[in-house]
PDB file of N, CA and C in Angstrom:
ATOM      1  N   MET A   1     -82.214 -71.017  56.733  1.00  0.00           N
ATOM      2  CA  MET A   1     -81.181 -70.970  57.543  1.00  0.00           C
ATOM      3  C   MET A   1     -81.610 -70.491  58.941  1.00  0.00           C
ATOM      4  N   SER A   2     -80.872 -70.922  59.995  1.00  0.00           N
ATOM      5  CA  SER A   2     -81.162 -70.551  61.331  1.00  0.00           C
ATOM      6  C   SER A   2     -80.418 -69.418  61.736  1.00  0.00           C
ATOM      7  N   GLN A   3     -80.950 -68.677  62.782  1.00  0.00           N
ATOM      8  CA  GLN A   3     -80.280 -67.503  63.226  1.00  0.00           C
ATOM      9  C   GLN A   3     -79.185 -67.917  64.173  1.00  0.00           C
ATOM     10  N   ARG A   4     -78.118 -67.219  64.057  1.00  0.00           N
ATOM     11  CA  ARG A   4     -76.859 -67.446  64.876  1.00  0.00           C
ATOM     12  C   ARG A   4     -77.384 -67.232  66.372  1.00  0.00           C
ATOM     13  N   GLU A   5     -77.014 -68.236  67.189  1.00  0.00           N
ATOM     14  CA  GLU A   5     -77.288 -68.172  68.616  1.00  0.00           C
ATOM     15  C   GLU A   5     -76.238 -67.385  69.326  1.00  0.00           C
ATOM     16  N   THR A   6     -76.583 -66.504  70.292  1.00  0.00           N
ATOM     17  CA  THR A   6     -75.728 -65.719  71.061  1.00  0.00           C
ATOM     18  C   THR A   6     -75.219 -66.727  72.265  1.00  0.00           C
ATOM     19  N   SER A   7     -73.917 -66.874  72.324  1.00  0.00           N
ATOM     20  CA  SER A   7     -73.416 -67.831  73.253  1.00  0.00           C
ATOM     21  C   SER A   7     -72.398 -67.234  74.276  1.00  0.00           C
ATOM     22  N   LEU A   8     -72.235 -65.881  74.146  1.00  0.00           N
ATOM     23  CA  LEU A   8     -71.197 -65.224  75.028  1.00  0.00           C
ATOM     24  C   LEU A   8     -71.967 -64.504  76.117  1.00  0.00           C
ATOM     25  N   VAL A   9     -71.469 -64.678  77.324  1.00  0.00           N
ATOM     26  CA  VAL A   9     -72.190 -64.101  78.554  1.00  0.00           C
ATOM     27  C   VAL A   9     -71.285 -63.160  79.321  1.00  0.00           C
ATOM     28  N   CYS A  10     -71.804 -61.925  79.592  1.00  0.00           N
ATOM     29  CA  CYS A  10     -70.990 -61.027  80.360  1.00  0.00           C
ATOM     30  C   CYS A  10     -70.807 -61.507  81.712  1.00  0.00           C
ATOM     31  N   ASP A  11     -69.534 -61.366  82.191  1.00  0.00           N
ATOM     32  CA  ASP A  11     -69.102 -61.856  83.475  1.00  0.00           C
ATOM     33  C   ASP A  11     -69.745 -60.958  84.612  1.00  0.00           C
ATOM     34  N   THR A  12     -69.919 -59.795  84.251  1.00  0.00           N
ATOM     35  CA  THR A  12     -70.452 -58.804  85.274  1.00  0.00           C
ATOM     36  C   THR A  12     -71.946 -58.717  85.348  1.00  0.00           C
ATOM     37  N   CYS A  13     -72.595 -58.750  84.361  1.00  0.00           N
ATOM     38  CA  CYS A  13     -74.117 -58.614  84.460  1.00  0.00           C
ATOM     39  C   CYS A  13     -74.861 -59.781  83.989  1.00  0.00           C
ATOM     40  N   GLY A  14     -74.206 -60.747  83.347  1.00  0.00           N
ATOM     41  CA  GLY A  14     -74.856 -62.026  82.895  1.00  0.00           C
ATOM     42  C   GLY A  14     -75.626 -61.842  81.623  1.00  0.00           C
ATOM     43  N   THR A  15     -75.623 -60.820  80.989  1.00  0.00           N
ATOM     44  CA  THR A  15     -76.291 -60.573  79.705  1.00  0.00           C
ATOM     45  C   THR A  15     -75.634 -61.431  78.561  1.00  0.00           C
ATOM     46  N   GLN A  16     -76.428 -62.081  77.730  1.00  0.00           N
ATOM     47  CA  GLN A  16     -75.935 -62.751  76.548  1.00  0.00           C
ATOM     48  C   GLN A  16     -75.702 -61.714  75.352  1.00  0.00           C
ATOM     49  N   VAL A  17     -74.534 -61.771  74.837  1.00  0.00           N
ATOM     50  CA  VAL A  17     -74.251 -60.861  73.746  1.00  0.00           C
ATOM     51  C   VAL A  17     -73.469 -61.565  72.617  1.00  0.00           C
ATOM     52  N   ASP A  18     -73.249 -60.813  71.525  1.00  0.00           N
ATOM     53  CA  ASP A  18     -72.468 -61.442  70.425  1.00  0.00           C
ATOM     54  C   ASP A  18     -71.023 -61.224  70.530  1.00  0.00           C
ATOM     55  N   GLN A  19     -70.609 -60.124  71.349  1.00  0.00           N
ATOM     56  CA  GLN A  19     -69.106 -59.964  71.556  1.00  0.00           C
ATOM     57  C   GLN A  19     -68.826 -59.503  73.040  1.00  0.00           C
ATOM     58  N   LEU A  20     -67.640 -59.713  73.554  1.00  0.00           N
ATOM     59  CA  LEU A  20     -67.302 -59.292  74.790  1.00  0.00           C
ATOM     60  C   LEU A  20     -65.980 -58.463  74.771  1.00  0.00           C
ATOM     61  N   ARG A  21     -65.833 -57.579  75.785  1.00  0.00           N
ATOM     62  CA  ARG A  21     -64.470 -56.881  75.834  1.00  0.00           C
ATOM     63  C   ARG A  21     -63.843 -57.134  77.056  1.00  0.00           C
ATOM     64  N   ARG A  22     -62.410 -56.888  77.035  1.00  0.00           N
ATOM     65  CA  ARG A  22     -61.625 -57.001  78.267  1.00  0.00           C
ATOM     66  C   ARG A  22     -60.594 -55.952  78.117  1.00  0.00           C
ATOM     67  N   ASP A  23     -60.446 -55.218  79.220  1.00  0.00           N
ATOM     68  CA  ASP A  23     -59.497 -54.131  79.287  1.00  0.00           C
ATOM     69  C   ASP A  23     -58.662 -54.261  80.549  1.00  0.00           C
ATOM     70  N   VAL A  24     -57.309 -54.498  80.362  1.00  0.00           N
ATOM     71  CA  VAL A  24     -56.423 -54.607  81.547  1.00  0.00           C
ATOM     72  C   VAL A  24     -55.451 -53.433  81.453  1.00  0.00           C
ATOM     73  N   VAL A  25     -55.614 -52.462  82.338  1.00  0.00           N
ATOM     74  CA  VAL A  25     -54.801 -51.285  82.371  1.00  0.00           C
ATOM     75  C   VAL A  25     -54.236 -50.939  83.723  1.00  0.00           C
ATOM     76  N   ASP A  26     -54.738 -51.527  84.835  1.00  0.00           N
ATOM     77  CA  ASP A  26     -54.221 -51.209  86.190  1.00  0.00           C
ATOM     78  C   ASP A  26     -52.743 -51.667  86.264  1.00  0.00           C
ATOM     79  N   GLU A  27     -51.969 -50.824  86.839  1.00  0.00           N
ATOM     80  CA  GLU A  27     -50.550 -51.103  87.060  1.00  0.00           C
ATOM     81  C   GLU A  27     -50.366 -52.391  87.932  1.00  0.00           C
ATOM     82  N   ASP A  28     -51.220 -52.552  88.941  1.00  0.00           N
ATOM     83  CA  ASP A  28     -50.995 -53.580  89.954  1.00  0.00           C
ATOM     84  C   ASP A  28     -51.725 -54.804  89.428  1.00  0.00           C
ATOM     85  N   TYR A  29     -52.313 -54.967  88.332  1.00  0.00           N
ATOM     86  CA  TYR A  29     -53.053 -56.078  87.783  1.00  0.00           C
ATOM     87  C   TYR A  29     -52.026 -57.166  87.473  1.00  0.00           C
ATOM     88  N   ASN A  30     -52.209 -58.334  87.888  1.00  0.00           N
ATOM     89  CA  ASN A  30     -51.427 -59.507  87.608  1.00  0.00           C
ATOM     90  C   ASN A  30     -52.261 -60.541  86.980  1.00  0.00           C
ATOM     91  N   ALA A  31     -52.148 -60.701  85.680  1.00  0.00           N
ATOM     92  CA  ALA A  31     -53.053 -61.559  84.915  1.00  0.00           C
ATOM     93  C   ALA A  31     -52.829 -63.046  85.272  1.00  0.00           C
ATOM     94  N   LEU A  32     -51.721 -63.307  85.845  1.00  0.00           N
ATOM     95  CA  LEU A  32     -51.515 -64.695  86.222  1.00  0.00           C
ATOM     96  C   LEU A  32     -52.148 -65.174  87.532  1.00  0.00           C
ATOM     97  N   THR A  33     -52.493 -64.206  88.398  1.00  0.00           N
ATOM     98  CA  THR A  33     -53.252 -64.597  89.609  1.00  0.00           C
ATOM     99  C   THR A  33     -54.653 -64.375  89.643  1.00  0.00           C
ATOM    100  N   LYS A  34     -55.136 -63.730  88.478  1.00  0.00           N
ATOM    101  CA  LYS A  34     -56.626 -63.401  88.508  1.00  0.00           C
ATOM    102  C   LYS A  34     -57.290 -64.013  87.244  1.00  0.00           C
ATOM    103  N   PRO A  35     -58.495 -64.383  87.345  1.00  0.00           N
ATOM    104  CA  PRO A  35     -59.188 -64.974  86.189  1.00  0.00           C
ATOM    105  C   PRO A  35     -59.633 -63.783  85.212  1.00  0.00           C
ATOM    106  N   PRO A  36     -59.611 -63.988  83.891  1.00  0.00           N
ATOM    107  CA  PRO A  36     -60.114 -62.897  82.964  1.00  0.00           C
ATOM    108  C   PRO A  36     -61.527 -62.592  83.254  1.00  0.00           C
ATOM    109  N   LEU A  37     -61.826 -61.337  83.203  1.00  0.00           N
ATOM    110  CA  LEU A  37     -63.230 -60.908  83.376  1.00  0.00           C
ATOM    111  C   LEU A  37     -63.641 -60.236  81.956  1.00  0.00           C
ATOM    112  N   TRP A  38     -64.624 -60.777  81.379  1.00  0.00           N
ATOM    113  CA  TRP A  38     -65.093 -60.399  80.124  1.00  0.00           C
ATOM    114  C   TRP A  38     -66.424 -59.621  80.334  1.00  0.00           C
ATOM    115  N   ASN A  39     -66.614 -58.484  79.643  1.00  0.00           N
ATOM    116  CA  ASN A  39     -67.727 -57.658  79.785  1.00  0.00           C
ATOM    117  C   ASN A  39     -68.499 -57.286  78.426  1.00  0.00           C
ATOM    118  N   CYS A  40     -69.754 -57.083  78.663  1.00  0.00           N
ATOM    119  CA  CYS A  40     -70.454 -56.574  77.436  1.00  0.00           C
ATOM    120  C   CYS A  40     -70.099 -55.156  77.275  1.00  0.00           C
ATOM    121  N   ASP A  41     -70.514 -54.491  76.172  1.00  0.00           N
ATOM    122  CA  ASP A  41     -70.142 -53.075  75.981  1.00  0.00           C
ATOM    123  C   ASP A  41     -70.616 -52.131  77.044  1.00  0.00           C
ATOM    124  N   THR A  42     -71.797 -52.369  77.587  1.00  0.00           N
ATOM    125  CA  THR A  42     -72.371 -51.553  78.528  1.00  0.00           C
ATOM    126  C   THR A  42     -71.585 -51.561  79.855  1.00  0.00           C
ATOM    127  N   CYS A  43     -71.295 -52.778  80.347  1.00  0.00           N
ATOM    128  CA  CYS A  43     -70.386 -52.937  81.518  1.00  0.00           C
ATOM    129  C   CYS A  43     -69.021 -52.421  81.314  1.00  0.00           C
ATOM    130  N   TYR A  44     -68.483 -52.780  80.133  1.00  0.00           N
ATOM    131  CA  TYR A  44     -67.169 -52.279  79.792  1.00  0.00           C
ATOM    132  C   TYR A  44     -67.087 -50.715  79.883  1.00  0.00           C
ATOM    133  N   GLU A  45     -67.972 -50.022  79.332  1.00  0.00           N
ATOM    134  CA  GLU A  45     -67.942 -48.530  79.381  1.00  0.00           C
ATOM    135  C   GLU A  45     -68.161 -48.001  80.728  1.00  0.00           C
ATOM    136  N   ALA A  46     -69.080 -48.653  81.479  1.00  0.00           N
ATOM    137  CA  ALA A  46     -69.354 -48.283  82.900  1.00  0.00           C
ATOM    138  C   ALA A  46     -67.990 -48.404  83.729  1.00  0.00           C
ATOM    139  N   LYS A  47     -67.421 -49.528  83.566  1.00  0.00           N
ATOM    140  CA  LYS A  47     -66.181 -49.858  84.312  1.00  0.00           C
ATOM    141  C   LYS A  47     -65.037 -48.831  83.904  1.00  0.00           C
ATOM    142  N   ARG A  48     -64.949 -48.611  82.699  1.00  0.00           N
ATOM    143  CA  ARG A  48     -63.956 -47.619  82.148  1.00  0.00           C
ATOM    144  C   ARG A  48     -64.126 -46.322  82.699  1.00  0.00           C
ATOM    145  N   ALA A  49     -65.422 -45.831  82.682  1.00  0.00           N
ATOM    146  CA  ALA A  49     -65.761 -44.408  83.198  1.00  0.00           C
ATOM    147  C   ALA A  49     -65.400 -44.465  84.673  1.00  0.00           C
ATOM    148  N   GLN A  50     -65.740 -45.506  85.489  1.00  0.00           N
ATOM    149  CA  GLN A  50     -65.462 -45.437  86.841  1.00  0.00           C
ATOM    150  C   GLN A  50     -63.980 -45.389  87.123  1.00  0.00           C
ATOM    151  N   ARG A  51     -63.163 -46.140  86.363  1.00  0.00           N
ATOM    152  CA  ARG A  51     -61.772 -46.131  86.467  1.00  0.00           C
ATOM    153  C   ARG A  51     -61.182 -44.757  86.147  1.00  0.00           C
ATOM    154  N   GLN A  52     -61.629 -44.118  85.091  1.00  0.00           N
ATOM    155  CA  GLN A  52     -61.134 -42.777  84.754  1.00  0.00           C
ATOM    156  C   GLN A  52     -61.433 -41.771  85.833  1.00  0.00           C
ATOM    157  N   GLN A  53     -62.594 -41.854  86.430  1.00  0.00           N
ATOM    158  CA  GLN A  53     -63.107 -40.843  87.482  1.00  0.00           C
ATOM    159  C   GLN A  53     -62.286 -41.121  88.745  1.00  0.00           C
ATOM    160  N   SER A  54     -62.015 -42.411  89.003  1.00  0.00           N
ATOM    161  CA  SER A  54     -61.221 -42.726  90.084  1.00  0.00           C
ATOM    162  C   SER A  54     -59.758 -42.224  89.950  1.00  0.00           C
ATOM    163  N   GLN A  55     -59.101 -42.380  88.713  1.00  0.00           N
ATOM    164  CA  GLN A  55     -57.813 -41.884  88.502  1.00  0.00           C
ATOM    165  C   GLN A  55     -57.818 -40.396  88.521  1.00  0.00           C
ATOM    166  N   ALA A  56     -58.777 -39.604  88.050  1.00  0.00           N
ATOM    167  CA  ALA A  56     -58.837 -38.218  88.157  1.00  0.00           C
ATOM    168  C   ALA A  56     -58.888 -37.757  89.456  1.00  0.00           C
ATOM    169  N   GLY A  57     -59.461 -38.438  90.391  1.00  0.00           N
ATOM    170  CA  GLY A  57     -59.524 -38.055  91.861  1.00  0.00           C
ATOM    171  C   GLY A  57     -58.248 -38.094  92.591  1.00  0.00           C
ATOM    172  N   THR A  58     -57.465 -39.042  92.059  1.00  0.00           N
ATOM    173  CA  THR A  58     -56.074 -39.371  92.748  1.00  0.00           C
ATOM    174  C   THR A  58     -54.978 -38.499  92.048  1.00  0.00           C
ATOM    175  N   ALA A  59     -55.161 -38.011  90.930  1.00  0.00           N
ATOM    176  CA  ALA A  59     -54.124 -37.292  90.157  1.00  0.00           C
ATOM    177  C   ALA A  59     -53.905 -35.880  90.580  1.00  0.00           C
TER     178      ALA A  59
END
């Protein structure tokens, strides 16, 4: 049997991975006007931490 090839690519860093994540939580985000952005786990967690830090600074 052949190994399963990884065919998903992170839109942020370009790494090939088995799965991608997408998180839409911003109030002003309009999914109809922006293309979806899919991230690997590393980019997803970094982006989420940055968002939480930004929100903590404005709260």
